[in-house]
C-alpha atoms as a PDB file:
ATOM      1  CA  MET A   1     309.077 155.460  -1.769  1.00  0.00           C
ATOM      2  CA  HIS A   2     308.051 156.253  -5.359  1.00  0.00           C
ATOM      3  CA  PHE A   3     304.355 157.017  -4.944  1.00  0.00           C
ATOM      4  CA  LYS A   4     303.555 157.410  -8.647  1.00  0.00           C
ATOM      5  CA  HIS A   5     304.547 153.783  -9.149  1.00  0.00           C
ATOM      6  CA  LEU A   6     301.790 152.757  -6.734  1.00  0.00           C
ATOM      7  CA  VAL A   7     298.972 154.117  -8.925  1.00  0.00           C
ATOM      8  CA  GLY A   8     296.894 151.185 -10.157  1.00  0.00           C
ATOM      9  CA  ARG A   9     298.437 148.833  -7.629  1.00  0.00           C
ATOM     10  CA  THR A  10     296.996 147.392  -4.429  1.00  0.00           C
ATOM     11  CA  ILE A  11     298.136 148.233  -0.918  1.00  0.00           C
ATOM     12  CA  SER A  12     297.280 145.510   1.569  1.00  0.00           C
ATOM     13  CA  GLY A  13     296.276 146.455   5.089  1.00  0.00           C
ATOM     14  CA  PRO A  14     295.273 144.190   7.978  1.00  0.00           C
ATOM     15  CA  SER A  15     291.553 144.877   7.542  1.00  0.00           C
ATOM     16  CA  SER A  16     291.254 145.766   3.852  1.00  0.00           C
ATOM     17  CA  ASP A  17     293.035 146.092   0.531  1.00  0.00           C
ATOM     18  CA  TYR A  18     293.314 149.532  -1.081  1.00  0.00           C
ATOM     19  CA  GLU A  19     293.445 150.140  -4.815  1.00  0.00           C
ATOM     20  CA  VAL A  20     295.526 153.266  -5.438  1.00  0.00           C
ATOM     21  CA  GLU A  21     293.714 155.640  -7.811  1.00  0.00           C
ATOM     22  CA  ALA A  22     295.910 158.742  -7.747  1.00  0.00           C
ATOM     23  CA  VAL A  23     298.634 160.663  -5.960  1.00  0.00           C
ATOM     24  CA  VAL A  24     296.904 163.786  -4.620  1.00  0.00           C
ATOM     25  CA  GLY A  25     299.705 165.293  -2.561  1.00  0.00           C
ATOM     26  CA  LEU A  26     303.435 165.086  -1.887  1.00  0.00           C
ATOM     27  CA  GLY A  27     305.067 166.496   1.237  1.00  0.00           C
ATOM     28  CA  GLY A  28     308.478 166.453   2.800  1.00  0.00           C
ATOM     29  CA  GLN A  29     307.631 163.491   4.994  1.00  0.00           C
ATOM     30  CA  ALA A  30     304.708 161.737   3.311  1.00  0.00           C
ATOM     31  CA  GLY A  31     302.690 161.185   0.174  1.00  0.00           C
ATOM     32  CA  ILE A  32     298.899 161.409  -0.020  1.00  0.00           C
ATOM     33  CA  LEU A  33     297.118 158.761  -2.091  1.00  0.00           C
ATOM     34  CA  ARG A  34     293.451 158.583  -3.084  1.00  0.00           C
ATOM     35  CA  CYS A  35     292.355 154.968  -2.831  1.00  0.00           C
ATOM     36  CA  ASN A  36     289.352 152.712  -3.139  1.00  0.00           C
ATOM     37  CA  LYS A  37     288.917 150.759   0.080  1.00  0.00           C
ATOM     38  CA  LYS A  38     287.895 147.312  -1.108  1.00  0.00           C
ATOM     39  CA  LEU A  39     286.207 146.263   2.131  1.00  0.00           C
ATOM     40  CA  THR A  40     283.635 149.051   1.987  1.00  0.00           C
ATOM     41  CA  ASN A  41     284.009 150.248  -1.626  1.00  0.00           C
ATOM     42  CA  GLU A  42     284.476 153.817  -0.402  1.00  0.00           C
ATOM     43  CA  THR A  43     287.032 156.391  -1.435  1.00  0.00           C
ATOM     44  CA  VAL A  44     289.568 157.166   1.285  1.00  0.00           C
ATOM     45  CA  VAL A  45     292.960 158.824   1.580  1.00  0.00           C
ATOM     46  CA  LEU A  46     296.183 157.149   2.693  1.00  0.00           C
ATOM     47  CA  LYS A  47     299.043 159.216   4.089  1.00  0.00           C
ATOM     48  CA  ILE A  48     302.222 157.149   3.671  1.00  0.00           C
ATOM     49  CA  THR A  49     305.664 158.141   4.942  1.00  0.00           C
ATOM     50  CA  ASN A  50     308.327 158.851   2.302  1.00  0.00           C
ATOM     51  CA  LYS A  51     311.038 157.062   4.237  1.00  0.00           C
ATOM     52  CA  LYS A  52     311.015 154.536   7.037  1.00  0.00           C
ATOM     53  CA  ASP A  53     312.970 157.043   9.131  1.00  0.00           C
ATOM     54  CA  PHE A  54     309.872 159.262   9.063  1.00  0.00           C
ATOM     55  CA  ASN A  55     307.686 156.638  10.749  1.00  0.00           C
ATOM     56  CA  LYS A  56     308.367 158.338  14.085  1.00  0.00           C
ATOM     57  CA  PHE A  57     306.534 161.417  12.807  1.00  0.00           C
ATOM     58  CA  ALA A  58     303.551 159.286  11.788  1.00  0.00           C
ATOM     59  CA  GLU A  59     303.546 157.741  15.259  1.00  0.00           C
ATOM     60  CA  ALA A  60     303.503 161.194  16.848  1.00  0.00           C
ATOM     61  CA  GLU A  61     300.630 162.264  14.592  1.00  0.00           C
ATOM     62  CA  GLU A  62     298.726 159.091  15.443  1.00  0.00           C
ATOM     63  CA  LYS A  63     298.948 159.912  19.155  1.00  0.00           C
ATOM     64  CA  ILE A  64     297.384 163.321  18.509  1.00  0.00           C
ATOM     65  CA  LEU A  65     294.686 161.750  16.330  1.00  0.00           C
ATOM     66  CA  GLU A  66     293.890 159.238  19.065  1.00  0.00           C
ATOM     67  CA  VAL A  67     293.215 162.079  21.510  1.00  0.00           C
ATOM     68  CA  ILE A  68     290.891 163.721  18.981  1.00  0.00           C
ATOM     69  CA  ALA A  69     289.111 160.463  18.126  1.00  0.00           C
ATOM     70  CA  GLU A  70     288.481 159.625  21.775  1.00  0.00           C
ATOM     71  CA  THR A  71     286.308 162.711  22.105  1.00  0.00           C
ATOM     72  CA  GLY A  72     284.018 161.779  19.211  1.00  0.00           C
ATOM     73  CA  ARG A  73     284.424 165.303  17.829  1.00  0.00           C
ATOM     74  CA  GLU A  74     286.618 164.528  14.823  1.00  0.00           C
ATOM     75  CA  SER A  75     283.580 164.379  12.495  1.00  0.00           C
ATOM     76  CA  LEU A  76     282.797 168.079  13.046  1.00  0.00           C
ATOM     77  CA  ASN A  77     285.684 170.342  12.081  1.00  0.00           C
ATOM     78  CA  THR A  78     288.732 168.074  12.109  1.00  0.00           C
ATOM     79  CA  VAL A  79     289.437 165.318   9.613  1.00  0.00           C
ATOM     80  CA  THR A  80     288.223 161.821  10.482  1.00  0.00           C
ATOM     81  CA  TRP A  81     291.061 159.367  11.002  1.00  0.00           C
ATOM     82  CA  ASN A  82     290.064 155.740  10.423  1.00  0.00           C
ATOM     83  CA  ASP A  83     293.076 153.452  10.828  1.00  0.00           C
ATOM     84  CA  THR A  84     296.854 153.049  10.943  1.00  0.00           C
ATOM     85  CA  PHE A  85     298.896 150.173   9.527  1.00  0.00           C
ATOM     86  CA  MET A  86     302.283 149.341   8.023  1.00  0.00           C
ATOM     87  CA  PHE A  87     302.986 148.768   4.322  1.00  0.00           C
ATOM     88  CA  GLN A  88     306.446 147.598   3.268  1.00  0.00           C
ATOM     89  CA  GLY A  89     307.889 149.142   6.410  1.00  0.00           C
ATOM     90  CA  HIS A  90     306.180 152.513   5.904  1.00  0.00           C
ATOM     91  CA  SER A  91     303.511 153.932   8.215  1.00  0.00           C
ATOM     92  CA  CYS A  92     300.084 154.439   6.618  1.00  0.00           C
ATOM     93  CA  LEU A  93     297.361 156.635   8.096  1.00  0.00           C
ATOM     94  CA  GLU A  94     293.871 156.236   6.626  1.00  0.00           C
ATOM     95  CA  PHE A  95     291.594 159.293   6.545  1.00  0.00           C
ATOM     96  CA  GLU A  96     288.215 160.193   5.126  1.00  0.00           C
ATOM     97  CA  LYS A  97     288.302 161.612   1.605  1.00  0.00           C
ATOM     98  CA  LEU A  98     287.593 165.334   1.508  1.00  0.00           C
ATOM     99  CA  ASP A  99     287.315 167.757  -1.413  1.00  0.00           C
ATOM    100  CA  ILE A 100     289.794 170.521  -2.276  1.00  0.00           C
ATOM    101  CA  SER A 101     291.884 172.745  -0.023  1.00  0.00           C
ATOM    102  CA  LEU A 102     290.717 176.168   1.086  1.00  0.00           C
ATOM    103  CA  ASP A 103     293.755 177.525  -0.752  1.00  0.00           C
ATOM    104  CA  GLN A 104     292.472 176.162  -4.065  1.00  0.00           C
ATOM    105  CA  TYR A 105     288.891 177.142  -3.234  1.00  0.00           C
ATOM    106  CA  ILE A 106     289.880 180.775  -2.620  1.00  0.00           C
ATOM    107  CA  GLN A 107     291.666 180.901  -5.974  1.00  0.00           C
ATOM    108  CA  GLU A 108     288.623 179.532  -7.794  1.00  0.00           C
ATOM    109  CA  ASN A 109     285.902 181.262  -5.749  1.00  0.00           C
ATOM    110  CA  PRO A 110     286.671 184.705  -4.282  1.00  0.00           C
ATOM    111  CA  LEU A 111     284.947 184.899  -0.906  1.00  0.00           C
ATOM    112  CA  GLY A 112     282.801 187.632   0.591  1.00  0.00           C
ATOM    113  CA  LEU A 113     282.193 188.170   4.289  1.00  0.00           C
ATOM    114  CA  LYS A 114     278.945 186.175   4.231  1.00  0.00           C
ATOM    115  CA  GLU A 115     280.893 183.118   3.017  1.00  0.00           C
ATOM    116  CA  ILE A 116     283.920 183.762   5.212  1.00  0.00           C
ATOM    117  CA  ARG A 117     281.781 183.922   8.371  1.00  0.00           C
ATOM    118  CA  PRO A 118     280.736 180.229   8.584  1.00  0.00           C
ATOM    119  CA  ILE A 119     284.181 179.034   7.478  1.00  0.00           C
ATOM    120  CA  LEU A 120     285.906 181.123  10.128  1.00  0.00           C
ATOM    121  CA  TYR A 121     283.359 180.095  12.762  1.00  0.00           C
ATOM    122  CA  GLN A 122     284.039 176.407  12.104  1.00  0.00           C
ATOM    123  CA  LEU A 123     287.787 176.959  12.386  1.00  0.00           C
ATOM    124  CA  ALA A 124     287.346 178.887  15.630  1.00  0.00           C
ATOM    125  CA  ASP A 125     285.273 175.976  16.899  1.00  0.00           C
ATOM    126  CA  ALA A 126     288.064 173.591  15.862  1.00  0.00           C
ATOM    127  CA  LEU A 127     290.567 175.658  17.869  1.00  0.00           C
ATOM    128  CA  PHE A 128     288.169 175.718  20.822  1.00  0.00           C
ATOM    129  CA  PHE A 129     288.082 171.926  20.691  1.00  0.00           C
ATOM    130  CA  LEU A 130     291.859 171.561  20.304  1.00  0.00           C
ATOM    131  CA  GLU A 131     292.332 173.956  23.218  1.00  0.00           C
ATOM    132  CA  SER A 132     290.154 171.690  25.375  1.00  0.00           C
ATOM    133  CA  CYS A 133     292.500 168.834  24.416  1.00  0.00           C
ATOM    134  CA  GLN A 134     295.585 171.014  25.048  1.00  0.00           C
ATOM    135  CA  ILE A 135     296.702 170.464  21.448  1.00  0.00           C
ATOM    136  CA  VAL A 136     298.545 173.026  19.333  1.00  0.00           C
ATOM    137  CA  HIS A 137     298.041 172.284  15.625  1.00  0.00           C
ATOM    138  CA  GLY A 138     301.184 174.188  14.689  1.00  0.00           C
ATOM    139  CA  ASP A 139     300.639 174.526  10.934  1.00  0.00           C
ATOM    140  CA  LEU A 140     297.238 176.104  10.366  1.00  0.00           C
ATOM    141  CA  LYS A 141     297.114 177.480   6.811  1.00  0.00           C
ATOM    142  CA  PRO A 142     294.775 177.334   3.783  1.00  0.00           C
ATOM    143  CA  VAL A 143     296.329 174.161   2.332  1.00  0.00           C
ATOM    144  CA  ASN A 144     295.656 172.382   5.641  1.00  0.00           C
ATOM    145  CA  ILE A 145     291.986 173.359   5.627  1.00  0.00           C
ATOM    146  CA  MET A 146     289.784 171.270   3.363  1.00  0.00           C
ATOM    147  CA  MET A 147     286.382 171.892   1.871  1.00  0.00           C
ATOM    148  CA  ALA A 148     284.387 168.806   2.846  1.00  0.00           C
ATOM    149  CA  ASP A 149     282.068 168.650  -0.178  1.00  0.00           C
ATOM    150  CA  ARG A 150     281.587 171.628  -2.487  1.00  0.00           C
ATOM    151  CA  LEU A 151     278.368 170.269  -3.996  1.00  0.00           C
ATOM    152  CA  ARG A 152     276.428 169.025  -0.990  1.00  0.00           C
ATOM    153  CA  ARG A 153     277.922 171.252   1.742  1.00  0.00           C
ATOM    154  CA  PRO A 154     279.612 174.159  -0.030  1.00  0.00           C
ATOM    155  CA  LEU A 155     281.038 175.952   3.026  1.00  0.00           C
ATOM    156  CA  LYS A 156     281.728 172.991   5.304  1.00  0.00           C
ATOM    157  CA  VAL A 157     285.434 172.818   6.216  1.00  0.00           C
ATOM    158  CA  LYS A 158     287.724 170.501   8.157  1.00  0.00           C
ATOM    159  CA  LEU A 159     291.185 170.974   9.584  1.00  0.00           C
ATOM    160  CA  ILE A 160     293.745 168.392   8.437  1.00  0.00           C
ATOM    161  CA  ASP A 161     297.446 167.483   8.850  1.00  0.00           C
ATOM    162  CA  PHE A 162     298.385 167.075  12.485  1.00  0.00           C
ATOM    163  CA  GLY A 163     301.928 166.129  11.516  1.00  0.00           C
ATOM    164  CA  VAL A 164     303.554 168.862  13.622  1.00  0.00           C
ATOM    165  CA  ALA A 165     300.820 169.144  16.271  1.00  0.00           C
ATOM    166  CA  VAL A 166     301.966 168.939  19.885  1.00  0.00           C
ATOM    167  CA  SER A 167     300.339 168.510  23.268  1.00  0.00           C
ATOM    168  CA  ASN A 168     303.441 169.603  25.174  1.00  0.00           C
ATOM    169  CA  PRO A 169     304.620 172.853  23.540  1.00  0.00           C
ATOM    170  CA  GLU A 170     306.988 173.616  26.419  1.00  0.00           C
ATOM    171  CA  ASP A 171     309.196 170.751  25.196  1.00  0.00           C
ATOM    172  CA  TRP A 172     309.524 172.366  21.763  1.00  0.00           C
ATOM    173  CA  MET A 173     310.693 175.858  22.718  1.00  0.00           C
ATOM    174  CA  GLY A 174     313.178 177.149  20.154  1.00  0.00           C
ATOM    175  CA  VAL A 175     312.147 174.572  17.549  1.00  0.00           C
ATOM    176  CA  ILE A 176     310.593 176.265  14.519  1.00  0.00           C
ATOM    177  CA  ARG A 177     307.299 174.634  13.543  1.00  0.00           C
ATOM    178  CA  GLY A 178     304.851 175.507  10.817  1.00  0.00           C
ATOM    179  CA  THR A 179     305.007 177.695   7.715  1.00  0.00           C
ATOM    180  CA  PRO A 180     306.712 181.130   7.916  1.00  0.00           C
ATOM    181  CA  ALA A 181     303.835 183.205   6.480  1.00  0.00           C
ATOM    182  CA  TYR A 182     301.492 181.902   9.202  1.00  0.00           C
ATOM    183  CA  MET A 183     303.930 181.736  12.136  1.00  0.00           C
ATOM    184  CA  SER A 184     303.232 183.838  15.205  1.00  0.00           C
ATOM    185  CA  PRO A 185     305.842 186.343  16.418  1.00  0.00           C
ATOM    186  CA  GLU A 186     306.731 184.152  19.399  1.00  0.00           C
ATOM    187  CA  MET A 187     307.404 181.200  17.104  1.00  0.00           C
ATOM    188  CA  LEU A 188     309.467 183.302  14.686  1.00  0.00           C
ATOM    189  CA  LEU A 189     311.621 184.554  17.568  1.00  0.00           C
ATOM    190  CA  GLY A 190     312.093 181.134  19.161  1.00  0.00           C
ATOM    191  CA  LEU A 191     310.191 182.136  22.299  1.00  0.00           C
ATOM    192  CA  PRO A 192     307.879 179.863  24.310  1.00  0.00           C
ATOM    193  CA  PHE A 193     304.644 179.201  22.454  1.00  0.00           C
ATOM    194  CA  ASP A 194     301.306 177.710  23.346  1.00  0.00           C
ATOM    195  CA  LEU A 195     297.696 177.626  22.153  1.00  0.00           C
ATOM    196  CA  PRO A 196     297.631 181.302  20.994  1.00  0.00           C
ATOM    197  CA  PHE A 197     300.074 180.314  18.231  1.00  0.00           C
ATOM    198  CA  ASP A 198     297.194 178.757  16.282  1.00  0.00           C
ATOM    199  CA  MET A 199     295.017 181.837  16.764  1.00  0.00           C
ATOM    200  CA  TRP A 200     297.632 184.020  15.080  1.00  0.00           C
ATOM    201  CA  SER A 201     297.764 181.594  12.160  1.00  0.00           C
ATOM    202  CA  LEU A 202     293.980 181.673  11.874  1.00  0.00           C
ATOM    203  CA  GLY A 203     294.083 185.478  11.831  1.00  0.00           C
ATOM    204  CA  CYS A 204     296.415 185.320   8.834  1.00  0.00           C
ATOM    205  CA  VAL A 205     294.055 182.848   7.145  1.00  0.00           C
ATOM    206  CA  ALA A 206     291.052 185.096   7.849  1.00  0.00           C
ATOM    207  CA  ALA A 207     292.666 188.085   6.142  1.00  0.00           C
ATOM    208  CA  GLU A 208     293.762 185.914   3.218  1.00  0.00           C
ATOM    209  CA  MET A 209     290.225 184.634   2.684  1.00  0.00           C
ATOM    210  CA  LEU A 210     289.051 188.203   2.093  1.00  0.00           C
ATOM    211  CA  THR A 211     291.970 189.518   0.037  1.00  0.00           C
ATOM    212  CA  GLY A 212     293.091 186.357  -1.741  1.00  0.00           C
ATOM    213  CA  ALA A 213     296.708 187.174  -0.809  1.00  0.00           C
ATOM    214  CA  LYS A 214     298.969 186.305   2.121  1.00  0.00           C
ATOM    215  CA  LEU A 215     298.953 188.918   4.857  1.00  0.00           C
ATOM    216  CA  PHE A 216     302.675 188.423   5.473  1.00  0.00           C
ATOM    217  CA  PRO A 217     304.193 187.071   2.242  1.00  0.00           C
ATOM    218  CA  GLY A 218     307.670 185.626   2.358  1.00  0.00           C
ATOM    219  CA  GLY A 219     309.365 182.280   2.090  1.00  0.00           C
ATOM    220  CA  THR A 220     311.559 182.587   5.169  1.00  0.00           C
ATOM    221  CA  GLU A 221     311.229 183.526   8.817  1.00  0.00           C
ATOM    222  CA  HIS A 222     313.383 186.610   8.127  1.00  0.00           C
ATOM    223  CA  ASP A 223     310.997 187.789   5.393  1.00  0.00           C
ATOM    224  CA  VAL A 224     308.004 187.551   7.710  1.00  0.00           C
ATOM    225  CA  ILE A 225     309.785 189.237  10.631  1.00  0.00           C
ATOM    226  CA  SER A 226     310.720 192.102   8.289  1.00  0.00           C
ATOM    227  CA  GLY A 227     307.091 192.397   7.232  1.00  0.00           C
ATOM    228  CA  LEU A 228     305.937 192.456  10.851  1.00  0.00           C
ATOM    229  CA  LEU A 229     308.424 195.186  11.730  1.00  0.00           C
ATOM    230  CA  LYS A 230     307.184 197.311   8.841  1.00  0.00           C
ATOM    231  CA  SER A 231     303.486 196.921   9.620  1.00  0.00           C
ATOM    232  CA  SER A 232     302.149 195.659  12.911  1.00  0.00           C
ATOM    233  CA  PRO A 233     298.477 194.769  12.302  1.00  0.00           C
ATOM    234  CA  CYS A 234     297.519 195.826  15.809  1.00  0.00           C
ATOM    235  CA  HIS A 235     299.174 199.201  16.159  1.00  0.00           C
ATOM    236  CA  ASP A 236     299.412 201.090  12.887  1.00  0.00           C
ATOM    237  CA  GLY A 237     296.138 200.262  11.204  1.00  0.00           C
ATOM    238  CA  SER A 238     297.765 198.088   8.546  1.00  0.00           C
ATOM    239  CA  LEU A 239     294.492 196.188   8.208  1.00  0.00           C
ATOM    240  CA  LYS A 240     292.663 199.326   7.079  1.00  0.00           C
ATOM    241  CA  ASP A 241     292.680 198.114   3.467  1.00  0.00           C
ATOM    242  CA  LEU A 242     290.239 195.407   4.541  1.00  0.00           C
ATOM    243  CA  LEU A 243     287.711 198.148   5.270  1.00  0.00           C
ATOM    244  CA  VAL A 244     287.513 199.301   1.656  1.00  0.00           C
ATOM    245  CA  VAL A 245     284.139 198.481   0.110  1.00  0.00           C
ATOM    246  CA  SER A 246     283.714 198.569  -3.652  1.00  0.00           C
ATOM    247  CA  PRO A 247     281.087 201.140  -4.725  1.00  0.00           C
ATOM    248  CA  ASP A 248     279.948 198.662  -7.363  1.00  0.00           C
ATOM    249  CA  ALA A 249     279.075 195.998  -4.836  1.00  0.00           C
ATOM    250  CA  SER A 250     275.526 194.718  -5.147  1.00  0.00           C
ATOM    251  CA  ASP A 251     275.202 194.158  -1.392  1.00  0.00           C
ATOM    252  CA  ASP A 252     273.679 196.588   1.050  1.00  0.00           C
ATOM    253  CA  LEU A 253     276.708 198.904   1.256  1.00  0.00           C
ATOM    254  CA  GLU A 254     275.888 200.168   4.741  1.00  0.00           C
ATOM    255  CA  ALA A 255     275.579 196.622   6.062  1.00  0.00           C
ATOM    256  CA  LEU A 256     278.714 195.528   4.230  1.00  0.00           C
ATOM    257  CA  GLN A 257     280.750 198.405   5.650  1.00  0.00           C
ATOM    258  CA  SER A 258     279.558 197.619   9.165  1.00  0.00           C
ATOM    259  CA  ASP A 259     280.315 193.946   8.599  1.00  0.00           C
ATOM    260  CA  ARG A 260     283.824 194.758   7.419  1.00  0.00           C
ATOM    261  CA  GLU A 261     284.439 196.862  10.501  1.00  0.00           C
ATOM    262  CA  ALA A 262     283.385 193.950  12.722  1.00  0.00           C
ATOM    263  CA  PHE A 263     285.593 191.592  10.705  1.00  0.00           C
ATOM    264  CA  VAL A 264     288.648 193.855  10.977  1.00  0.00           C
ATOM    265  CA  ASP A 265     288.046 194.249  14.711  1.00  0.00           C
ATOM    266  CA  LEU A 266     288.045 190.458  15.055  1.00  0.00           C
ATOM    267  CA  VAL A 267     291.152 189.917  12.920  1.00  0.00           C
ATOM    268  CA  THR A 268     293.005 192.651  14.814  1.00  0.00           C
ATOM    269  CA  LYS A 269     292.286 190.832  18.086  1.00  0.00           C
ATOM    270  CA  MET A 270     293.491 187.561  16.533  1.00  0.00           C
ATOM    271  CA  LEU A 271     296.747 189.213  15.474  1.00  0.00           C
ATOM    272  CA  SER A 272     297.761 190.755  18.783  1.00  0.00           C
ATOM    273  CA  ILE A 273     301.564 190.700  18.988  1.00  0.00           C
ATOM    274  CA  ASP A 274     301.339 189.707  22.657  1.00  0.00           C
ATOM    275  CA  PRO A 275     299.999 186.125  22.796  1.00  0.00           C
ATOM    276  CA  ALA A 276     298.560 186.814  26.256  1.00  0.00           C
ATOM    277  CA  GLN A 277     296.368 189.545  24.737  1.00  0.00           C
ATOM    278  CA  ARG A 278     295.310 187.518  21.709  1.00  0.00           C
ATOM    279  CA  ILE A 279     291.618 186.649  21.535  1.00  0.00           C
ATOM    280  CA  THR A 280     290.787 183.110  22.709  1.00  0.00           C
ATOM    281  CA  PRO A 281     288.646 180.652  20.738  1.00  0.00           C
ATOM    282  CA  VAL A 282     285.683 180.996  23.108  1.00  0.00           C
ATOM    283  CA  GLN A 283     285.899 184.791  22.965  1.00  0.00           C
ATOM    284  CA  MET A 284     286.109 184.586  19.204  1.00  0.00           C
ATOM    285  CA  LEU A 285     282.970 182.454  18.952  1.00  0.00           C
ATOM    286  CA  GLU A 286     281.102 185.144  20.904  1.00  0.00           C
ATOM    287  CA  HIS A 287     282.338 188.018  18.730  1.00  0.00           C
ATOM    288  CA  PRO A 288     279.717 190.263  17.046  1.00  0.00           C
ATOM    289  CA  PHE A 289     280.999 189.229  13.610  1.00  0.00           C
ATOM    290  CA  PHE A 290     279.328 185.857  14.207  1.00  0.00           C
ATOM    291  CA  SER A 291     276.295 186.982  16.216  1.00  0.00           C
ATOM    292  CA  LEU A 292     275.533 189.784  13.715  1.00  0.00           C
ATOM    293  CA  SER A 293     274.741 192.042  16.658  1.00  0.00           C
ATOM    294  CA  HIS A 294     276.334 194.933  14.757  1.00  0.00           C
ATOM    295  CA  LEU A 295     273.601 194.766  12.101  1.00  0.00           C
ATOM    296  CA  ASP A 296     269.977 195.872  12.308  1.00  0.00           C
ATOM    297  CA  PRO A 297     267.770 193.135  10.762  1.00  0.00           C
ATOM    298  CA  SER A 298     264.982 195.636  10.155  1.00  0.00           C
ATOM    299  CA  ARG A 299     267.268 197.824   8.021  1.00  0.00           C
ATOM    300  CA  HIS A 300     269.494 195.157   6.481  1.00  0.00           C
ATOM    301  CA  HIS A 301     267.063 192.240   6.409  1.00  0.00           C
ATOM    302  CA  ASN A 302     268.278 190.586   3.189  1.00  0.00           C
ATOM    303  CA  TYR A 303     271.935 190.784   4.212  1.00  0.00           C
ATOM    304  CA  VAL A 304     271.207 189.469   7.708  1.00  0.00           C
ATOM    305  CA  LYS A 305     268.912 186.719   6.468  1.00  0.00           C
ATOM    306  CA  LEU A 306     271.377 185.361   3.920  1.00  0.00           C
ATOM    307  CA  SER A 307     274.221 185.589   6.427  1.00  0.00           C
ATOM    308  CA  ALA A 308     272.192 183.646   8.991  1.00  0.00           C
ATOM    309  CA  GLU A 309     271.216 180.988   6.460  1.00  0.00           C
ATOM    310  CA  LEU A 310     274.849 180.430   5.476  1.00  0.00           C
ATOM    311  CA  MET A 311     275.764 179.965   9.130  1.00  0.00           C
ATOM    312  CA  GLN A 312     273.670 176.799   9.167  1.00  0.00           C
ATOM    313  CA  THR A 313     276.731 175.111   7.646  1.00  0.00           C
ATOM    314  CA  CYS A 314     278.166 175.018  11.163  1.00  0.00           C
ATOM    315  CA  ASP A 315     277.439 171.585  12.645  1.00  0.00           C
ATOM    316  CA  ASN A 316     277.382 172.750  16.235  1.00  0.00           C
ATOM    317  CA  TRP A 317     274.368 174.885  15.424  1.00  0.00           C
ATOM    318  CA  ASN A 318     272.245 171.761  14.951  1.00  0.00           C
ATOM    319  CA  LEU A 319     271.131 171.750  18.560  1.00  0.00           C
ATOM    320  CA  GLU A 320     268.565 169.187  19.609  1.00  0.00           C
ATOM    321  CA  ASP A 321     266.902 170.898  22.552  1.00  0.00           C
ATOM    322  CA  GLU A 322     263.767 172.895  21.786  1.00  0.00           C
ATOM    323  CA  ILE A 323     264.432 172.880  18.067  1.00  0.00           C
ATOM    324  CA  ASP A 324     261.907 174.484  15.754  1.00  0.00           C
ATOM    325  CA  LEU A 325     261.905 174.629  11.991  1.00  0.00           C
ATOM    326  CA  LEU A 326     261.580 177.937  10.240  1.00  0.00           C
ATOM    327  CA  PRO A 327     260.965 178.356   6.520  1.00  0.00           C
ATOM    328  CA  CYS A 328     263.736 180.118   4.666  1.00  0.00           C
ATOM    329  CA  ALA A 329     264.869 180.695   1.113  1.00  0.00           C
ATOM    330  CA  THR A 330     266.764 177.391   0.968  1.00  0.00           C
ATOM    331  CA  GLY A 331     264.165 175.149   2.628  1.00  0.00           C
ATOM    332  CA  PHE A 332     263.972 174.689   6.394  1.00  0.00           C
ATOM    333  CA  ILE A 333     266.552 175.542   8.998  1.00  0.00           C
ATOM    334  CA  LYS A 334     266.893 174.588  12.630  1.00  0.00           C
ATOM    335  CA  HIS A 335     267.144 177.057  15.449  1.00  0.00           C
ATOM    336  CA  SER A 336     267.297 176.895  19.210  1.00  0.00           C
ATOM    337  CA  PRO A 337     267.006 179.305  22.132  1.00  0.00           C
ATOM    338  CA  GLN A 338     270.762 178.808  22.561  1.00  0.00           C
ATOM    339  CA  LEU A 339     271.503 180.458  19.232  1.00  0.00           C
ATOM    340  CA  PRO A 340     272.357 184.160  19.185  1.00  0.00           C
ATOM    341  CA  LEU A 341     269.200 186.181  19.716  1.00  0.00           C
ATOM    342  CA  LEU A 342     269.608 188.163  16.527  1.00  0.00           C
ATOM    343  CA  TYR A 343     269.359 185.036  14.404  1.00  0.00           C
ATOM    344  CA  ARG A 344     266.096 184.038  16.064  1.00  0.00           C
ATOM    345  CA  ILE A 345     264.632 187.534  15.803  1.00  0.00           C
ATOM    346  CA  GLY A 346     266.026 188.218  12.352  1.00  0.00           C
ATOM    347  CA  LEU A 347     264.885 184.961  10.804  1.00  0.00           C
ATOM    348  CA  ASN A 348     261.475 185.092  12.436  1.00  0.00           C
ATOM    349  CA  SER A 349     260.883 188.560  11.033  1.00  0.00           C
ATOM    350  CA  PHE A 350     260.866 187.493   7.378  1.00  0.00           C
END
């Protein structure tokens, strides 16, 4: 299908017509079109298969999306899927319109640890949810993570593209899935894989958010395996460069150094060569990097306060039981007794 020829034309679905505004992405199996949904006059995205032979992949993705949608959790940290229909023999998946990819965002806006923290927390929460559904995403990387709305919710992210996701990884042993630079060792070697595969990928993304460069660059599986053999992130301290703090930084340098140490500790646990030893999503969500338990709010109050405020981006922090409102620099924020103690103490102390 020639997607560029569809711009300005109308795609008819069973419940609405869609006016194609632009081609926003082209993949090996599908094209991504930004459209105006006539029924509701909202901007949505259509993912349309390139060839009719690829409809089977769209059907497999739809099954995964149905599992996610049944939980009611898709509006948090995974993209919202709205509908599926056929157009001229090609499968069409309708999704909510998001902003730009994390890959593009990193290039335009270098991230510090305070910004990385809520993004990484949301992605850990997404993996926690997928784990509860027994789903392996299989291709977690910056281009498959979208900023939801840079203006209204600057650090809100959602995981997209479940095209290679599986709920039965044992049936796919030996089949290479994903992108080499983010593949876990077990995937690269054709060994059995399961939920820890995604955690490795997220570890690579975490390091890339801080450095702006791929942790294991290379276009092929061989390139990445060679890189792993030269520098195992868990055994030879190859992540030590992440500990370097610029002396010109305007932040509290002591707090920043401590924060970097907590971050490197977390990433090292995410990148354990042995998948059985890799940190789990629930363990990750409880890590000090997110609770800020490694920082003293009385000594690093500005750093802690701003870090805590930025964490309010995380939807699952909007708890409804025993919620109070506390004044902060950006207005009012919600907190609950279920939140990490340091946030409640730290924010109350200012």
